[in-house]
Amino acid sequence: MKFAMPLAVFLILSVFLTAGLRLDPRLVPSPLVDKPAPAFELPQLHDSQKTFAPEEMLGKVWLLNVWASWCVSCRAEHGLLTALARAHVVPIYGLAYKDRRENALAFLDSYGNPYVLSFQDADGRVGIDFGVYGVPESYLIDKAGVIRFKQIGPVTMDVVETTILPMVKRLNQ
């Protein structure tokens, strides 16, 4: 009888842990979806004398991709982002997250530049405001500056075809 309570607690915890292991970590809900994108002003990557603020994008649907030169998964999605940029379906803007300017520029020189514009979040504060779990992450932002979709991890062809492209089409109507 004295082992019944610890055994019951162990069994209950085992059920919850087993259920948790079956969840997809990429499906972490974001409290920012359907909320205005955080305001910021950051230096542009290619010209640090100029800045970028999301208010400049009001009236346009756009994709914000959070990336870094040190991120292996960012390299994995980079070719797909480049193809998406060439298709001119949605403008892609890059947030170089916790990266050194020279490293980020070298990355774009080596792998190509899918971004209309990149800006630098050297200390990661804007990333914190966006709730970045880790790079890469992407946010689809509508004409009113509201986040409509968040992709944690690399963008895949499946995500582009089943989620991003249909949403961009609907948001541009």
N, C-alpha and C. Protein backbone atom coordinates (compact mmCIF):
# COMPACT_ATOMS: atom_id res chain seq x y z
N MET A 1 0.81 -1.20 0.00
CA MET A 1 0.00 0.00 0.00
C MET A 1 0.86 1.27 0.00
N LYS A 2 2.03 1.21 0.70
CA LYS A 2 2.86 2.42 0.76
C LYS A 2 3.53 2.72 -0.60
N PHE A 3 3.55 1.75 -1.52
CA PHE A 3 4.12 1.98 -2.85
C PHE A 3 3.07 2.37 -3.88
N ALA A 4 1.82 2.33 -3.51
CA ALA A 4 0.74 2.62 -4.45
C ALA A 4 0.77 4.07 -4.93
N MET A 5 0.96 5.02 -4.02
CA MET A 5 0.96 6.44 -4.39
C MET A 5 2.15 6.78 -5.29
N PRO A 6 3.40 6.42 -4.93
CA PRO A 6 4.52 6.71 -5.84
C PRO A 6 4.36 6.01 -7.20
N LEU A 7 3.82 4.80 -7.20
CA LEU A 7 3.60 4.10 -8.46
C LEU A 7 2.57 4.83 -9.31
N ALA A 8 1.51 5.31 -8.71
CA ALA A 8 0.48 6.06 -9.44
C ALA A 8 1.05 7.34 -10.03
N VAL A 9 1.84 8.07 -9.25
CA VAL A 9 2.48 9.30 -9.73
C VAL A 9 3.43 8.98 -10.89
N PHE A 10 4.22 7.94 -10.75
CA PHE A 10 5.13 7.53 -11.82
C PHE A 10 4.37 7.20 -13.10
N LEU A 11 3.28 6.46 -13.00
CA LEU A 11 2.50 6.09 -14.18
C LEU A 11 1.88 7.31 -14.86
N ILE A 12 1.37 8.23 -14.07
CA ILE A 12 0.78 9.45 -14.64
C ILE A 12 1.84 10.27 -15.36
N LEU A 13 2.99 10.46 -14.74
CA LEU A 13 4.10 11.19 -15.38
C LEU A 13 4.56 10.49 -16.65
N SER A 14 4.62 9.18 -16.63
CA SER A 14 5.03 8.41 -17.82
C SER A 14 4.07 8.65 -18.98
N VAL A 15 2.79 8.70 -18.70
CA VAL A 15 1.79 8.94 -19.75
C VAL A 15 2.00 10.33 -20.36
N PHE A 16 2.18 11.36 -19.53
CA PHE A 16 2.39 12.71 -20.04
C PHE A 16 3.69 12.82 -20.83
N LEU A 17 4.76 12.22 -20.36
CA LEU A 17 6.04 12.28 -21.07
C LEU A 17 5.96 11.55 -22.40
N THR A 18 5.31 10.40 -22.43
CA THR A 18 5.15 9.66 -23.68
C THR A 18 4.34 10.47 -24.68
N ALA A 19 3.27 11.10 -24.23
CA ALA A 19 2.45 11.93 -25.12
C ALA A 19 3.27 13.11 -25.64
N GLY A 20 4.09 13.72 -24.79
CA GLY A 20 4.92 14.85 -25.20
C GLY A 20 5.96 14.49 -26.24
N LEU A 21 6.49 13.28 -26.16
CA LEU A 21 7.50 12.84 -27.13
C LEU A 21 6.91 12.67 -28.53
N ARG A 22 5.62 12.52 -28.63
CA ARG A 22 4.97 12.33 -29.93
C ARG A 22 4.63 13.66 -30.61
N LEU A 23 4.80 14.77 -29.94
CA LEU A 23 4.47 16.07 -30.50
C LEU A 23 5.58 16.56 -31.42
N ASP A 24 5.21 17.30 -32.44
CA ASP A 24 6.17 17.88 -33.38
C ASP A 24 6.66 19.22 -32.80
N PRO A 25 7.97 19.35 -32.52
CA PRO A 25 8.46 20.59 -31.92
C PRO A 25 8.33 21.80 -32.85
N ARG A 26 8.13 21.58 -34.15
CA ARG A 26 7.97 22.69 -35.08
C ARG A 26 6.57 23.30 -35.00
N LEU A 27 5.68 22.62 -34.31
CA LEU A 27 4.31 23.11 -34.20
C LEU A 27 4.08 23.89 -32.92
N VAL A 28 5.15 24.50 -32.40
CA VAL A 28 5.02 25.30 -31.20
C VAL A 28 4.17 26.52 -31.55
N PRO A 29 3.05 26.71 -30.88
CA PRO A 29 2.20 27.85 -31.22
C PRO A 29 2.89 29.16 -30.85
N SER A 30 2.73 30.14 -31.69
CA SER A 30 3.32 31.44 -31.43
C SER A 30 2.24 32.40 -30.95
N PRO A 31 2.47 33.06 -29.84
CA PRO A 31 1.48 34.04 -29.38
C PRO A 31 1.42 35.27 -30.29
N LEU A 32 2.38 35.41 -31.22
CA LEU A 32 2.39 36.57 -32.09
C LEU A 32 1.56 36.40 -33.36
N VAL A 33 1.20 35.16 -33.70
CA VAL A 33 0.39 34.96 -34.90
C VAL A 33 -0.95 35.67 -34.68
N ASP A 34 -1.35 36.42 -35.71
CA ASP A 34 -2.55 37.26 -35.70
C ASP A 34 -2.41 38.49 -34.81
N LYS A 35 -1.18 38.87 -34.49
CA LYS A 35 -0.89 40.09 -33.74
C LYS A 35 0.06 40.95 -34.59
N PRO A 36 0.07 42.26 -34.36
CA PRO A 36 1.00 43.12 -35.12
C PRO A 36 2.46 42.70 -34.88
N ALA A 37 3.24 42.75 -35.94
CA ALA A 37 4.67 42.45 -35.82
C ALA A 37 5.31 43.49 -34.91
N PRO A 38 6.26 43.08 -34.08
CA PRO A 38 6.93 44.05 -33.21
C PRO A 38 7.61 45.16 -34.01
N ALA A 39 7.54 46.36 -33.49
CA ALA A 39 8.19 47.50 -34.13
C ALA A 39 9.69 47.46 -33.82
N PHE A 40 10.49 47.85 -34.80
CA PHE A 40 11.93 47.94 -34.60
C PHE A 40 12.53 48.82 -35.67
N GLU A 41 13.75 49.19 -35.48
CA GLU A 41 14.53 49.88 -36.50
C GLU A 41 15.95 49.37 -36.37
N LEU A 42 16.44 48.74 -37.44
CA LEU A 42 17.76 48.12 -37.42
C LEU A 42 18.61 48.60 -38.59
N PRO A 43 19.93 48.57 -38.43
CA PRO A 43 20.80 48.93 -39.55
C PRO A 43 20.74 47.89 -40.66
N GLN A 44 20.75 48.38 -41.89
CA GLN A 44 20.79 47.47 -43.02
C GLN A 44 22.14 46.76 -43.05
N LEU A 45 22.11 45.52 -43.51
CA LEU A 45 23.34 44.72 -43.52
C LEU A 45 24.36 45.26 -44.51
N HIS A 46 23.92 45.62 -45.70
CA HIS A 46 24.86 46.07 -46.73
C HIS A 46 25.29 47.52 -46.57
N ASP A 47 24.51 48.32 -45.87
CA ASP A 47 24.85 49.72 -45.65
C ASP A 47 24.37 50.11 -44.25
N SER A 48 25.26 50.02 -43.28
CA SER A 48 24.89 50.24 -41.88
C SER A 48 24.50 51.69 -41.59
N GLN A 49 24.71 52.58 -42.55
CA GLN A 49 24.28 53.97 -42.37
C GLN A 49 22.77 54.12 -42.60
N LYS A 50 22.18 53.11 -43.27
CA LYS A 50 20.74 53.12 -43.53
C LYS A 50 20.07 52.14 -42.58
N THR A 51 18.80 52.38 -42.31
CA THR A 51 18.06 51.50 -41.41
C THR A 51 16.83 50.93 -42.12
N PHE A 52 16.22 49.96 -41.46
CA PHE A 52 14.96 49.37 -41.92
C PHE A 52 14.02 49.30 -40.73
N ALA A 53 12.75 49.61 -40.99
CA ALA A 53 11.69 49.45 -40.00
C ALA A 53 10.51 48.79 -40.70
N PRO A 54 9.81 47.89 -40.03
CA PRO A 54 8.69 47.18 -40.66
C PRO A 54 7.58 48.11 -41.17
N GLU A 55 7.48 49.31 -40.63
CA GLU A 55 6.47 50.25 -41.10
C GLU A 55 6.63 50.55 -42.59
N GLU A 56 7.85 50.40 -43.09
CA GLU A 56 8.11 50.63 -44.52
C GLU A 56 7.37 49.62 -45.39
N MET A 57 6.95 48.51 -44.80
CA MET A 57 6.31 47.44 -45.57
C MET A 57 4.78 47.48 -45.50
N LEU A 58 4.23 48.46 -44.80
CA LEU A 58 2.77 48.55 -44.71
C LEU A 58 2.18 48.63 -46.12
N GLY A 59 1.14 47.86 -46.37
CA GLY A 59 0.53 47.80 -47.69
C GLY A 59 1.07 46.67 -48.55
N LYS A 60 2.05 45.92 -48.01
CA LYS A 60 2.65 44.81 -48.75
C LYS A 60 2.65 43.55 -47.89
N VAL A 61 2.47 42.41 -48.54
CA VAL A 61 2.65 41.11 -47.88
C VAL A 61 4.11 40.75 -48.05
N TRP A 62 4.75 40.32 -46.98
CA TRP A 62 6.18 40.00 -47.06
C TRP A 62 6.55 38.89 -46.10
N LEU A 63 7.69 38.28 -46.38
CA LEU A 63 8.21 37.18 -45.56
C LEU A 63 9.48 37.65 -44.88
N LEU A 64 9.50 37.55 -43.56
CA LEU A 64 10.69 37.86 -42.78
C LEU A 64 11.38 36.55 -42.43
N ASN A 65 12.62 36.40 -42.87
CA ASN A 65 13.38 35.18 -42.59
C ASN A 65 14.51 35.53 -41.62
N VAL A 66 14.50 34.88 -40.47
CA VAL A 66 15.54 35.07 -39.46
C VAL A 66 16.62 34.03 -39.73
N TRP A 67 17.85 34.47 -39.96
CA TRP A 67 18.93 33.58 -40.37
C TRP A 67 20.24 34.03 -39.74
N ALA A 68 21.26 33.20 -39.89
CA ALA A 68 22.61 33.53 -39.43
C ALA A 68 23.63 32.72 -40.23
N SER A 69 24.80 33.29 -40.41
CA SER A 69 25.86 32.60 -41.16
C SER A 69 26.33 31.34 -40.45
N TRP A 70 26.23 31.30 -39.14
CA TRP A 70 26.68 30.16 -38.35
C TRP A 70 25.64 29.04 -38.26
N CYS A 71 24.49 29.24 -38.87
CA CYS A 71 23.36 28.31 -38.76
C CYS A 71 23.39 27.29 -39.90
N VAL A 72 23.57 26.02 -39.55
CA VAL A 72 23.62 24.95 -40.55
C VAL A 72 22.27 24.78 -41.23
N SER A 73 21.18 24.86 -40.48
CA SER A 73 19.84 24.72 -41.07
C SER A 73 19.51 25.87 -42.01
N CYS A 74 20.11 27.02 -41.78
CA CYS A 74 19.89 28.16 -42.68
C CYS A 74 20.46 27.86 -44.06
N ARG A 75 21.57 27.16 -44.09
CA ARG A 75 22.15 26.75 -45.37
C ARG A 75 21.24 25.76 -46.08
N ALA A 76 20.59 24.90 -45.31
CA ALA A 76 19.70 23.89 -45.89
C ALA A 76 18.50 24.53 -46.56
N GLU A 77 17.96 25.61 -46.00
CA GLU A 77 16.78 26.24 -46.59
C GLU A 77 17.13 27.32 -47.61
N HIS A 78 18.39 27.71 -47.68
CA HIS A 78 18.78 28.87 -48.48
C HIS A 78 18.46 28.71 -49.96
N GLY A 79 18.68 27.54 -50.51
CA GLY A 79 18.38 27.31 -51.92
C GLY A 79 16.90 27.46 -52.22
N LEU A 80 16.07 26.98 -51.33
CA LEU A 80 14.62 27.11 -51.51
C LEU A 80 14.20 28.57 -51.43
N LEU A 81 14.77 29.32 -50.49
CA LEU A 81 14.46 30.74 -50.39
C LEU A 81 14.90 31.49 -51.66
N THR A 82 16.04 31.10 -52.20
CA THR A 82 16.52 31.72 -53.43
C THR A 82 15.56 31.45 -54.58
N ALA A 83 15.08 30.22 -54.69
CA ALA A 83 14.10 29.87 -55.74
C ALA A 83 12.80 30.63 -55.53
N LEU A 84 12.36 30.74 -54.30
CA LEU A 84 11.14 31.48 -54.00
C LEU A 84 11.30 32.96 -54.36
N ALA A 85 12.46 33.52 -54.07
CA ALA A 85 12.73 34.91 -54.42
C ALA A 85 12.72 35.12 -55.93
N ARG A 86 13.29 34.17 -56.67
CA ARG A 86 13.30 34.28 -58.14
C ARG A 86 11.91 34.21 -58.75
N ALA A 87 10.99 33.54 -58.04
CA ALA A 87 9.61 33.41 -58.53
C ALA A 87 8.82 34.70 -58.32
N HIS A 88 9.35 35.62 -57.54
CA HIS A 88 8.71 36.92 -57.27
C HIS A 88 7.29 36.77 -56.75
N VAL A 89 7.07 35.78 -55.90
CA VAL A 89 5.75 35.55 -55.32
C VAL A 89 5.54 36.42 -54.09
N VAL A 90 6.58 36.52 -53.28
CA VAL A 90 6.52 37.31 -52.05
C VAL A 90 7.92 37.86 -51.79
N PRO A 91 8.02 39.15 -51.46
CA PRO A 91 9.35 39.68 -51.14
C PRO A 91 9.86 39.09 -49.82
N ILE A 92 11.12 38.71 -49.81
CA ILE A 92 11.73 38.10 -48.63
C ILE A 92 12.75 39.08 -48.06
N TYR A 93 12.60 39.37 -46.78
CA TYR A 93 13.52 40.24 -46.07
C TYR A 93 14.25 39.40 -45.02
N GLY A 94 15.54 39.67 -44.86
CA GLY A 94 16.35 38.86 -43.97
C GLY A 94 16.74 39.59 -42.70
N LEU A 95 16.62 38.89 -41.58
CA LEU A 95 17.07 39.39 -40.29
C LEU A 95 18.29 38.57 -39.89
N ALA A 96 19.47 39.17 -40.03
CA ALA A 96 20.72 38.49 -39.64
C ALA A 96 20.79 38.52 -38.12
N TYR A 97 20.57 37.35 -37.52
CA TYR A 97 20.37 37.22 -36.08
C TYR A 97 21.66 36.86 -35.35
N LYS A 98 22.06 37.71 -34.42
CA LYS A 98 23.25 37.47 -33.59
C LYS A 98 24.45 37.07 -34.43
N ASP A 99 24.67 37.84 -35.47
CA ASP A 99 25.73 37.52 -36.43
C ASP A 99 26.62 38.75 -36.62
N ARG A 100 27.86 38.50 -36.94
CA ARG A 100 28.78 39.59 -37.27
C ARG A 100 28.55 40.00 -38.72
N ARG A 101 28.56 41.29 -38.95
CA ARG A 101 28.27 41.83 -40.29
C ARG A 101 29.14 41.16 -41.36
N GLU A 102 30.43 41.06 -41.13
CA GLU A 102 31.32 40.49 -42.16
C GLU A 102 31.01 39.02 -42.43
N ASN A 103 30.62 38.29 -41.41
CA ASN A 103 30.26 36.88 -41.61
C ASN A 103 28.95 36.75 -42.38
N ALA A 104 27.98 37.58 -42.04
CA ALA A 104 26.69 37.54 -42.74
C ALA A 104 26.86 37.92 -44.21
N LEU A 105 27.65 38.95 -44.47
CA LEU A 105 27.89 39.36 -45.87
C LEU A 105 28.63 38.27 -46.64
N ALA A 106 29.59 37.63 -46.01
CA ALA A 106 30.33 36.54 -46.66
C ALA A 106 29.40 35.38 -46.97
N PHE A 107 28.48 35.07 -46.07
CA PHE A 107 27.49 34.01 -46.30
C PHE A 107 26.65 34.32 -47.55
N LEU A 108 26.15 35.54 -47.65
CA LEU A 108 25.34 35.92 -48.81
C LEU A 108 26.16 35.91 -50.09
N ASP A 109 27.42 36.32 -50.00
CA ASP A 109 28.30 36.28 -51.18
C ASP A 109 28.52 34.84 -51.64
N SER A 110 28.65 33.92 -50.70
CA SER A 110 28.92 32.52 -51.03
C SER A 110 27.69 31.77 -51.52
N TYR A 111 26.56 31.97 -50.87
CA TYR A 111 25.37 31.16 -51.15
C TYR A 111 24.31 31.87 -51.97
N GLY A 112 24.51 33.15 -52.25
CA GLY A 112 23.51 33.92 -52.99
C GLY A 112 22.64 34.70 -52.02
N ASN A 113 21.97 35.70 -52.56
CA ASN A 113 21.18 36.59 -51.72
C ASN A 113 19.72 36.59 -52.16
N PRO A 114 18.85 35.86 -51.44
CA PRO A 114 17.44 35.82 -51.80
C PRO A 114 16.65 37.01 -51.26
N TYR A 115 17.30 37.87 -50.47
CA TYR A 115 16.59 38.91 -49.76
C TYR A 115 16.53 40.22 -50.54
N VAL A 116 15.37 40.85 -50.50
CA VAL A 116 15.24 42.20 -51.04
C VAL A 116 16.16 43.11 -50.23
N LEU A 117 16.20 42.85 -48.93
CA LEU A 117 17.02 43.63 -48.02
C LEU A 117 17.27 42.79 -46.77
N SER A 118 18.47 42.91 -46.23
CA SER A 118 18.78 42.26 -44.94
C SER A 118 19.15 43.34 -43.95
N PHE A 119 18.85 43.09 -42.70
CA PHE A 119 19.20 44.01 -41.64
C PHE A 119 19.78 43.20 -40.50
N GLN A 120 20.54 43.87 -39.63
CA GLN A 120 21.32 43.17 -38.63
C GLN A 120 20.77 43.35 -37.22
N ASP A 121 20.51 42.21 -36.58
CA ASP A 121 20.09 42.16 -35.18
C ASP A 121 21.25 41.57 -34.38
N ALA A 122 22.31 42.35 -34.24
CA ALA A 122 23.55 41.85 -33.65
C ALA A 122 23.39 41.34 -32.22
N ASP A 123 22.58 42.02 -31.42
CA ASP A 123 22.43 41.60 -30.03
C ASP A 123 21.23 40.69 -29.79
N GLY A 124 20.42 40.47 -30.82
CA GLY A 124 19.30 39.54 -30.71
C GLY A 124 18.06 40.09 -30.05
N ARG A 125 18.00 41.38 -29.80
CA ARG A 125 16.83 41.95 -29.11
C ARG A 125 15.57 41.89 -29.95
N VAL A 126 15.68 42.15 -31.22
CA VAL A 126 14.50 42.07 -32.08
C VAL A 126 14.04 40.62 -32.18
N GLY A 127 14.98 39.71 -32.26
CA GLY A 127 14.64 38.29 -32.26
C GLY A 127 13.85 37.91 -31.01
N ILE A 128 14.24 38.45 -29.87
CA ILE A 128 13.51 38.19 -28.63
C ILE A 128 12.10 38.73 -28.73
N ASP A 129 11.95 39.94 -29.29
CA ASP A 129 10.62 40.53 -29.45
C ASP A 129 9.72 39.67 -30.34
N PHE A 130 10.33 39.00 -31.34
CA PHE A 130 9.58 38.13 -32.23
C PHE A 130 9.38 36.73 -31.64
N GLY A 131 10.00 36.46 -30.52
CA GLY A 131 9.86 35.14 -29.91
C GLY A 131 10.64 34.07 -30.63
N VAL A 132 11.80 34.44 -31.18
CA VAL A 132 12.62 33.49 -31.91
C VAL A 132 13.12 32.41 -30.96
N TYR A 133 12.83 31.15 -31.33
CA TYR A 133 13.32 30.00 -30.56
C TYR A 133 14.73 29.64 -30.99
N GLY A 134 15.01 29.83 -32.26
CA GLY A 134 16.31 29.51 -32.84
C GLY A 134 16.21 29.74 -34.33
N VAL A 135 17.32 29.88 -34.98
CA VAL A 135 17.31 30.13 -36.41
C VAL A 135 17.38 28.81 -37.17
N PRO A 136 16.81 28.74 -38.35
CA PRO A 136 16.01 29.76 -39.00
C PRO A 136 14.56 29.75 -38.52
N GLU A 137 13.94 30.89 -38.66
CA GLU A 137 12.51 31.04 -38.46
C GLU A 137 12.02 32.03 -39.51
N SER A 138 10.78 31.86 -39.91
CA SER A 138 10.21 32.76 -40.91
C SER A 138 8.82 33.19 -40.47
N TYR A 139 8.49 34.43 -40.82
CA TYR A 139 7.21 35.03 -40.46
C TYR A 139 6.58 35.64 -41.71
N LEU A 140 5.35 35.24 -41.98
CA LEU A 140 4.60 35.85 -43.08
C LEU A 140 3.79 36.99 -42.49
N ILE A 141 4.00 38.19 -43.01
CA ILE A 141 3.39 39.40 -42.46
C ILE A 141 2.49 40.02 -43.53
N ASP A 142 1.27 40.39 -43.12
CA ASP A 142 0.29 40.89 -44.08
C ASP A 142 0.44 42.40 -44.32
N LYS A 143 -0.45 42.95 -45.13
CA LYS A 143 -0.38 44.36 -45.53
C LYS A 143 -0.56 45.32 -44.37
N ALA A 144 -1.22 44.87 -43.31
CA ALA A 144 -1.44 45.71 -42.14
C ALA A 144 -0.33 45.55 -41.10
N GLY A 145 0.68 44.73 -41.40
CA GLY A 145 1.78 44.52 -40.47
C GLY A 145 1.50 43.48 -39.41
N VAL A 146 0.54 42.58 -39.69
CA VAL A 146 0.15 41.54 -38.75
C VAL A 146 0.81 40.22 -39.15
N ILE A 147 1.39 39.53 -38.19
CA ILE A 147 1.99 38.22 -38.45
C ILE A 147 0.87 37.22 -38.67
N ARG A 148 0.91 36.53 -39.81
CA ARG A 148 -0.14 35.56 -40.14
C ARG A 148 0.33 34.12 -40.08
N PHE A 149 1.66 33.92 -40.10
CA PHE A 149 2.19 32.56 -40.06
C PHE A 149 3.62 32.62 -39.54
N LYS A 150 3.98 31.60 -38.76
CA LYS A 150 5.35 31.48 -38.27
C LYS A 150 5.84 30.07 -38.55
N GLN A 151 7.00 29.97 -39.19
CA GLN A 151 7.65 28.69 -39.44
C GLN A 151 8.87 28.59 -38.56
N ILE A 152 8.88 27.61 -37.67
CA ILE A 152 10.04 27.35 -36.84
C ILE A 152 10.88 26.30 -37.56
N GLY A 153 12.14 26.59 -37.75
CA GLY A 153 13.01 25.68 -38.49
C GLY A 153 13.01 26.03 -39.96
N PRO A 154 13.74 25.26 -40.75
CA PRO A 154 13.87 25.57 -42.18
C PRO A 154 12.53 25.51 -42.91
N VAL A 155 12.37 26.45 -43.83
CA VAL A 155 11.22 26.42 -44.73
C VAL A 155 11.45 25.25 -45.69
N THR A 156 10.41 24.45 -45.89
CA THR A 156 10.50 23.31 -46.80
C THR A 156 9.59 23.54 -47.99
N MET A 157 9.77 22.74 -49.03
CA MET A 157 8.91 22.86 -50.20
C MET A 157 7.46 22.59 -49.82
N ASP A 158 7.24 21.64 -48.95
CA ASP A 158 5.89 21.34 -48.50
C ASP A 158 5.25 22.56 -47.83
N VAL A 159 5.98 23.24 -46.97
CA VAL A 159 5.46 24.43 -46.29
C VAL A 159 5.19 25.54 -47.30
N VAL A 160 6.08 25.70 -48.27
CA VAL A 160 5.88 26.73 -49.30
C VAL A 160 4.60 26.43 -50.08
N GLU A 161 4.45 25.19 -50.55
CA GLU A 161 3.31 24.85 -51.40
C GLU A 161 1.98 24.79 -50.66
N THR A 162 1.98 24.26 -49.44
CA THR A 162 0.71 24.04 -48.75
C THR A 162 0.30 25.20 -47.84
N THR A 163 1.25 26.03 -47.44
CA THR A 163 0.91 27.10 -46.50
C THR A 163 1.27 28.49 -47.02
N ILE A 164 2.54 28.72 -47.32
CA ILE A 164 2.98 30.08 -47.65
C ILE A 164 2.34 30.60 -48.93
N LEU A 165 2.44 29.85 -50.03
CA LEU A 165 1.89 30.35 -51.30
C LEU A 165 0.38 30.59 -51.23
N PRO A 166 -0.41 29.65 -50.69
CA PRO A 166 -1.86 29.92 -50.58
C PRO A 166 -2.16 31.15 -49.69
N MET A 167 -1.41 31.30 -48.60
CA MET A 167 -1.64 32.45 -47.73
C MET A 167 -1.27 33.76 -48.41
N VAL A 168 -0.15 33.77 -49.13
CA VAL A 168 0.27 34.98 -49.84
C VAL A 168 -0.80 35.35 -50.86
N LYS A 169 -1.31 34.38 -51.60
CA LYS A 169 -2.35 34.64 -52.59
C LYS A 169 -3.59 35.23 -51.93
N ARG A 170 -4.01 34.63 -50.82
CA ARG A 170 -5.21 35.11 -50.12
C ARG A 170 -4.97 36.51 -49.53
N LEU A 171 -3.82 36.73 -48.95
CA LEU A 171 -3.54 38.03 -48.32
C LEU A 171 -3.38 39.16 -49.34
N ASN A 172 -3.00 38.82 -50.56
CA ASN A 172 -2.83 39.84 -51.60
C ASN A 172 -4.14 40.19 -52.31
N GLN A 173 -5.22 39.47 -52.02
CA GLN A 173 -6.50 39.77 -52.68
C GLN A 173 -7.14 41.01 -52.11
